[in-house]
Amino acid sequence: MMSECMLLSLAGRHCRIHAGVLPFNFELPFQLPTAVPMESDFTPDWHAAVFVFALAVVCGIGFSLVPALRATKGDLTPALKEGSALQVPGYLRFGLRNMLMVSQVAGSLMLL
């Protein structure tokens, strides 16, 4: 779980860095109507890249640690046996997790 979340976090960081730099790679030939000559430098700063990388690592670890710890706590053997009607302890029928999942699927279907 943690490796998947870290991979997604770092891939998102990579895409965001390139999406932030891409618009400034196109130099538009226009002059501002000012008497003072102006120059703009939109090269990415390495300090910002290191900060974004560290933030991606912290978010990847932080958001994957809680589900990984919850997955190790439950005893799933009785629930996985054939013909078992037992519920996993701590399972909420209409909990926050289920509401978030339903809203995510509904939003995805609307966008699709």
N, C-alpha and C. Protein backbone atom coordinates (compact mmCIF):
# COMPACT_ATOMS: atom_id res chain seq x y z
N MET A 1 0.82 -1.20 0.00
CA MET A 1 0.00 0.00 0.00
C MET A 1 0.86 1.26 0.00
N MET A 2 1.91 1.23 0.79
CA MET A 2 2.75 2.42 0.88
C MET A 2 3.54 2.65 -0.41
N SER A 3 4.02 1.58 -1.03
CA SER A 3 4.78 1.77 -2.26
C SER A 3 3.88 2.30 -3.38
N GLU A 4 2.64 1.82 -3.43
CA GLU A 4 1.71 2.31 -4.44
C GLU A 4 1.41 3.79 -4.22
N CYS A 5 1.18 4.17 -2.98
CA CYS A 5 0.87 5.56 -2.69
C CYS A 5 2.08 6.47 -2.96
N MET A 6 3.28 5.98 -2.64
CA MET A 6 4.48 6.77 -2.91
C MET A 6 4.68 6.93 -4.42
N LEU A 7 4.43 5.87 -5.18
CA LEU A 7 4.57 5.95 -6.63
C LEU A 7 3.58 6.95 -7.21
N LEU A 8 2.33 6.93 -6.75
CA LEU A 8 1.34 7.88 -7.22
C LEU A 8 1.68 9.31 -6.81
N SER A 9 2.18 9.48 -5.61
CA SER A 9 2.55 10.80 -5.12
C SER A 9 3.70 11.39 -5.93
N LEU A 10 4.71 10.59 -6.20
CA LEU A 10 5.85 11.09 -6.97
C LEU A 10 5.49 11.30 -8.44
N ALA A 11 4.61 10.48 -8.98
CA ALA A 11 4.16 10.70 -10.36
C ALA A 11 3.34 11.99 -10.45
N GLY A 12 2.53 12.26 -9.46
CA GLY A 12 1.78 13.51 -9.43
C GLY A 12 2.69 14.71 -9.31
N ARG A 13 3.75 14.59 -8.53
CA ARG A 13 4.72 15.68 -8.39
C ARG A 13 5.40 15.93 -9.73
N HIS A 14 5.78 14.87 -10.41
CA HIS A 14 6.47 14.99 -11.69
C HIS A 14 5.56 15.69 -12.72
N CYS A 15 4.31 15.28 -12.77
CA CYS A 15 3.38 15.90 -13.72
C CYS A 15 3.11 17.36 -13.37
N ARG A 16 3.02 17.66 -12.07
CA ARG A 16 2.73 19.03 -11.65
C ARG A 16 3.91 19.96 -11.96
N ILE A 17 5.13 19.48 -11.76
CA ILE A 17 6.30 20.31 -12.07
C ILE A 17 6.31 20.63 -13.57
N HIS A 18 6.07 19.62 -14.41
CA HIS A 18 6.09 19.86 -15.85
C HIS A 18 4.90 20.70 -16.30
N ALA A 19 3.75 20.53 -15.68
CA ALA A 19 2.59 21.33 -16.05
C ALA A 19 2.77 22.79 -15.62
N GLY A 20 3.54 23.02 -14.58
CA GLY A 20 3.80 24.39 -14.15
C GLY A 20 4.83 25.10 -15.00
N VAL A 21 5.73 24.37 -15.61
CA VAL A 21 6.79 24.97 -16.42
C VAL A 21 6.38 25.06 -17.88
N LEU A 22 5.53 24.17 -18.34
CA LEU A 22 5.18 24.08 -19.76
C LEU A 22 4.63 25.38 -20.35
N PRO A 23 3.70 26.10 -19.70
CA PRO A 23 3.18 27.32 -20.33
C PRO A 23 4.25 28.39 -20.55
N PHE A 24 5.29 28.39 -19.75
CA PHE A 24 6.31 29.42 -19.89
C PHE A 24 7.37 29.06 -20.93
N ASN A 25 7.30 27.86 -21.49
CA ASN A 25 8.23 27.49 -22.54
C ASN A 25 7.86 28.11 -23.88
N PHE A 26 6.62 28.53 -24.03
CA PHE A 26 6.18 29.17 -25.27
C PHE A 26 6.40 30.67 -25.13
N GLU A 27 7.34 31.19 -25.90
CA GLU A 27 7.61 32.63 -25.85
C GLU A 27 6.71 33.33 -26.84
N LEU A 28 5.86 34.17 -26.32
CA LEU A 28 4.95 34.92 -27.17
C LEU A 28 5.61 36.24 -27.57
N PRO A 29 5.59 36.58 -28.83
CA PRO A 29 6.25 37.80 -29.28
C PRO A 29 5.37 39.04 -29.07
N PHE A 30 5.31 39.51 -27.86
CA PHE A 30 4.58 40.74 -27.61
C PHE A 30 5.40 41.61 -26.66
N GLN A 31 5.22 42.88 -26.77
CA GLN A 31 5.91 43.85 -25.93
C GLN A 31 4.89 44.56 -25.05
N LEU A 32 5.26 44.74 -23.82
CA LEU A 32 4.39 45.49 -22.92
C LEU A 32 4.53 46.97 -23.23
N PRO A 33 3.45 47.71 -23.13
CA PRO A 33 3.52 49.14 -23.45
C PRO A 33 4.11 49.96 -22.31
N THR A 34 5.36 49.72 -21.99
CA THR A 34 6.05 50.48 -20.95
C THR A 34 7.35 51.02 -21.52
N ALA A 35 7.82 52.10 -20.93
CA ALA A 35 9.08 52.68 -21.36
C ALA A 35 10.27 51.95 -20.75
N VAL A 36 10.03 51.23 -19.67
CA VAL A 36 11.09 50.52 -18.98
C VAL A 36 11.19 49.11 -19.57
N PRO A 37 12.39 48.69 -20.03
CA PRO A 37 12.50 47.32 -20.55
C PRO A 37 12.36 46.31 -19.41
N MET A 38 11.62 45.26 -19.67
CA MET A 38 11.36 44.25 -18.65
C MET A 38 11.78 42.89 -19.17
N GLU A 39 12.36 42.09 -18.31
CA GLU A 39 12.71 40.72 -18.64
C GLU A 39 12.09 39.79 -17.61
N SER A 40 11.65 38.63 -18.06
CA SER A 40 11.05 37.64 -17.18
C SER A 40 11.84 36.35 -17.29
N ASP A 41 12.14 35.76 -16.15
CA ASP A 41 12.85 34.49 -16.13
C ASP A 41 11.98 33.49 -15.39
N PHE A 42 11.47 32.51 -16.13
CA PHE A 42 10.57 31.53 -15.54
C PHE A 42 11.23 30.16 -15.40
N THR A 43 12.52 30.11 -15.23
CA THR A 43 13.18 28.83 -15.03
C THR A 43 12.86 28.31 -13.64
N PRO A 44 12.64 27.02 -13.50
CA PRO A 44 12.28 26.49 -12.19
C PRO A 44 13.47 26.56 -11.22
N ASP A 45 13.17 26.87 -10.00
CA ASP A 45 14.18 26.98 -8.96
C ASP A 45 14.39 25.61 -8.32
N TRP A 46 15.63 25.24 -8.04
CA TRP A 46 15.87 23.92 -7.47
C TRP A 46 15.40 23.85 -6.03
N HIS A 47 15.33 24.98 -5.33
CA HIS A 47 14.79 24.98 -3.96
C HIS A 47 13.32 24.57 -3.97
N ALA A 48 12.58 25.12 -4.93
CA ALA A 48 11.16 24.77 -5.04
C ALA A 48 10.99 23.30 -5.43
N ALA A 49 11.85 22.79 -6.30
CA ALA A 49 11.75 21.39 -6.71
C ALA A 49 12.04 20.45 -5.54
N VAL A 50 13.02 20.80 -4.71
CA VAL A 50 13.33 19.97 -3.53
C VAL A 50 12.17 20.03 -2.53
N PHE A 51 11.59 21.22 -2.35
CA PHE A 51 10.46 21.34 -1.43
C PHE A 51 9.27 20.52 -1.90
N VAL A 52 8.98 20.58 -3.20
CA VAL A 52 7.85 19.82 -3.74
C VAL A 52 8.11 18.32 -3.63
N PHE A 53 9.35 17.90 -3.86
CA PHE A 53 9.70 16.48 -3.71
C PHE A 53 9.51 16.03 -2.26
N ALA A 54 10.00 16.83 -1.30
CA ALA A 54 9.84 16.48 0.12
C ALA A 54 8.37 16.45 0.51
N LEU A 55 7.60 17.40 0.00
CA LEU A 55 6.17 17.43 0.30
C LEU A 55 5.45 16.22 -0.28
N ALA A 56 5.85 15.78 -1.47
CA ALA A 56 5.26 14.60 -2.08
C ALA A 56 5.58 13.35 -1.27
N VAL A 57 6.81 13.25 -0.77
CA VAL A 57 7.19 12.09 0.04
C VAL A 57 6.42 12.08 1.36
N VAL A 58 6.32 13.23 2.01
CA VAL A 58 5.59 13.31 3.29
C VAL A 58 4.11 12.98 3.08
N CYS A 59 3.50 13.51 2.02
CA CYS A 59 2.09 13.21 1.75
C CYS A 59 1.90 11.75 1.38
N GLY A 60 2.82 11.20 0.62
CA GLY A 60 2.71 9.78 0.25
C GLY A 60 2.78 8.87 1.45
N ILE A 61 3.69 9.17 2.36
CA ILE A 61 3.81 8.36 3.58
C ILE A 61 2.61 8.60 4.50
N GLY A 62 2.24 9.86 4.65
CA GLY A 62 1.14 10.20 5.56
C GLY A 62 -0.20 9.62 5.15
N PHE A 63 -0.50 9.67 3.85
CA PHE A 63 -1.80 9.19 3.40
C PHE A 63 -1.84 7.68 3.17
N SER A 64 -0.69 7.03 3.20
CA SER A 64 -0.70 5.57 3.03
C SER A 64 -0.49 4.84 4.35
N LEU A 65 -0.07 5.53 5.37
CA LEU A 65 0.22 4.87 6.64
C LEU A 65 -1.06 4.42 7.36
N VAL A 66 -2.07 5.25 7.37
CA VAL A 66 -3.31 4.91 8.08
C VAL A 66 -4.01 3.70 7.45
N PRO A 67 -4.21 3.65 6.12
CA PRO A 67 -4.82 2.44 5.55
C PRO A 67 -3.95 1.19 5.73
N ALA A 68 -2.64 1.36 5.69
CA ALA A 68 -1.76 0.19 5.88
C ALA A 68 -1.87 -0.33 7.30
N LEU A 69 -1.96 0.54 8.28
CA LEU A 69 -2.11 0.09 9.67
C LEU A 69 -3.49 -0.53 9.91
N ARG A 70 -4.51 0.03 9.28
CA ARG A 70 -5.86 -0.55 9.45
C ARG A 70 -5.96 -1.93 8.81
N ALA A 71 -5.23 -2.15 7.74
CA ALA A 71 -5.29 -3.45 7.05
C ALA A 71 -4.63 -4.55 7.88
N THR A 72 -3.73 -4.21 8.76
CA THR A 72 -3.04 -5.22 9.55
C THR A 72 -3.79 -5.58 10.84
N LYS A 73 -4.80 -4.81 11.23
CA LYS A 73 -5.47 -5.03 12.51
C LYS A 73 -6.56 -6.09 12.49
N GLY A 74 -7.27 -6.22 11.43
CA GLY A 74 -8.44 -7.11 11.41
C GLY A 74 -8.08 -8.57 11.22
N ASP A 75 -8.88 -9.45 11.85
CA ASP A 75 -8.74 -10.89 11.66
C ASP A 75 -9.78 -11.29 10.61
N LEU A 76 -9.32 -11.54 9.40
CA LEU A 76 -10.23 -11.79 8.29
C LEU A 76 -10.52 -13.26 8.06
N THR A 77 -9.91 -14.16 8.83
CA THR A 77 -10.10 -15.59 8.62
C THR A 77 -11.55 -16.01 8.76
N PRO A 78 -12.28 -15.61 9.82
CA PRO A 78 -13.68 -16.03 9.91
C PRO A 78 -14.55 -15.47 8.79
N ALA A 79 -14.24 -14.27 8.32
CA ALA A 79 -15.05 -13.66 7.26
C ALA A 79 -14.78 -14.30 5.91
N LEU A 80 -13.61 -14.88 5.74
CA LEU A 80 -13.26 -15.47 4.45
C LEU A 80 -13.64 -16.95 4.33
N LYS A 81 -14.02 -17.59 5.42
CA LYS A 81 -14.40 -18.99 5.37
C LYS A 81 -15.69 -19.16 4.59
N GLU A 82 -15.82 -20.30 3.96
CA GLU A 82 -16.98 -20.56 3.12
C GLU A 82 -18.25 -20.63 3.97
N GLY A 83 -19.26 -19.89 3.55
CA GLY A 83 -20.55 -19.92 4.23
C GLY A 83 -20.59 -19.08 5.48
N SER A 84 -19.59 -18.28 5.72
CA SER A 84 -19.56 -17.47 6.92
C SER A 84 -20.42 -16.23 6.73
N ALA A 85 -21.24 -15.94 7.70
CA ALA A 85 -22.10 -14.75 7.65
C ALA A 85 -21.61 -13.69 8.63
N LEU A 86 -20.40 -13.87 9.14
CA LEU A 86 -19.86 -12.91 10.11
C LEU A 86 -19.40 -11.64 9.40
N GLN A 87 -19.59 -10.55 10.06
CA GLN A 87 -19.11 -9.27 9.54
C GLN A 87 -17.75 -8.97 10.17
N VAL A 88 -16.94 -8.20 9.46
CA VAL A 88 -15.65 -7.79 10.01
C VAL A 88 -15.91 -6.79 11.12
N PRO A 89 -15.28 -6.95 12.28
CA PRO A 89 -15.52 -6.01 13.39
C PRO A 89 -15.09 -4.60 13.01
N GLY A 90 -15.85 -3.63 13.44
CA GLY A 90 -15.53 -2.24 13.17
C GLY A 90 -16.04 -1.75 11.83
N TYR A 91 -16.76 -2.58 11.10
CA TYR A 91 -17.27 -2.18 9.80
C TYR A 91 -18.55 -1.39 9.99
N LEU A 92 -18.57 -0.20 9.44
CA LEU A 92 -19.76 0.64 9.52
C LEU A 92 -20.50 0.59 8.19
N ARG A 93 -21.78 0.42 8.25
CA ARG A 93 -22.55 0.29 7.01
C ARG A 93 -22.61 1.61 6.25
N PHE A 94 -22.87 2.71 6.93
CA PHE A 94 -22.94 4.01 6.27
C PHE A 94 -21.90 4.94 6.88
N GLY A 95 -20.66 4.53 6.87
CA GLY A 95 -19.60 5.33 7.44
C GLY A 95 -19.08 6.38 6.47
N LEU A 96 -18.15 7.15 6.93
CA LEU A 96 -17.56 8.21 6.13
C LEU A 96 -16.82 7.65 4.92
N ARG A 97 -16.15 6.53 5.11
CA ARG A 97 -15.42 5.92 4.00
C ARG A 97 -16.35 5.53 2.86
N ASN A 98 -17.51 4.96 3.20
CA ASN A 98 -18.46 4.55 2.17
C ASN A 98 -19.08 5.77 1.48
N MET A 99 -19.35 6.83 2.24
CA MET A 99 -19.90 8.03 1.62
C MET A 99 -18.88 8.66 0.67
N LEU A 100 -17.61 8.68 1.04
CA LEU A 100 -16.58 9.22 0.15
C LEU A 100 -16.43 8.38 -1.10
N MET A 101 -16.52 7.06 -0.95
CA MET A 101 -16.40 6.18 -2.11
C MET A 101 -17.58 6.37 -3.07
N VAL A 102 -18.78 6.48 -2.53
CA VAL A 102 -19.96 6.68 -3.36
C VAL A 102 -19.88 8.02 -4.08
N SER A 103 -19.45 9.07 -3.38
CA SER A 103 -19.35 10.39 -4.02
C SER A 103 -18.24 10.41 -5.08
N GLN A 104 -17.16 9.67 -4.86
CA GLN A 104 -16.08 9.61 -5.85
C GLN A 104 -16.56 8.89 -7.11
N VAL A 105 -17.26 7.78 -6.95
CA VAL A 105 -17.76 7.05 -8.12
C VAL A 105 -18.82 7.89 -8.86
N ALA A 106 -19.69 8.57 -8.12
CA ALA A 106 -20.71 9.40 -8.76
C ALA A 106 -20.07 10.55 -9.52
N GLY A 107 -19.07 11.20 -8.94
CA GLY A 107 -18.38 12.28 -9.62
C GLY A 107 -17.63 11.79 -10.85
N SER A 108 -17.03 10.61 -10.76
CA SER A 108 -16.32 10.05 -11.92
C SER A 108 -17.28 9.73 -13.04
N LEU A 109 -18.43 9.19 -12.69
CA LEU A 109 -19.43 8.89 -13.73
C LEU A 109 -19.97 10.16 -14.37
N MET A 110 -20.15 11.21 -13.60
CA MET A 110 -20.61 12.46 -14.17
C MET A 110 -19.57 13.05 -15.11
N LEU A 111 -18.30 12.97 -14.76
CA LEU A 111 -17.25 13.48 -15.63
C LEU A 111 -17.07 12.62 -16.87
N LEU A 112 -17.32 11.33 -16.71
CA LEU A 112 -17.20 10.43 -17.86
C LEU A 112 -18.28 10.70 -18.87
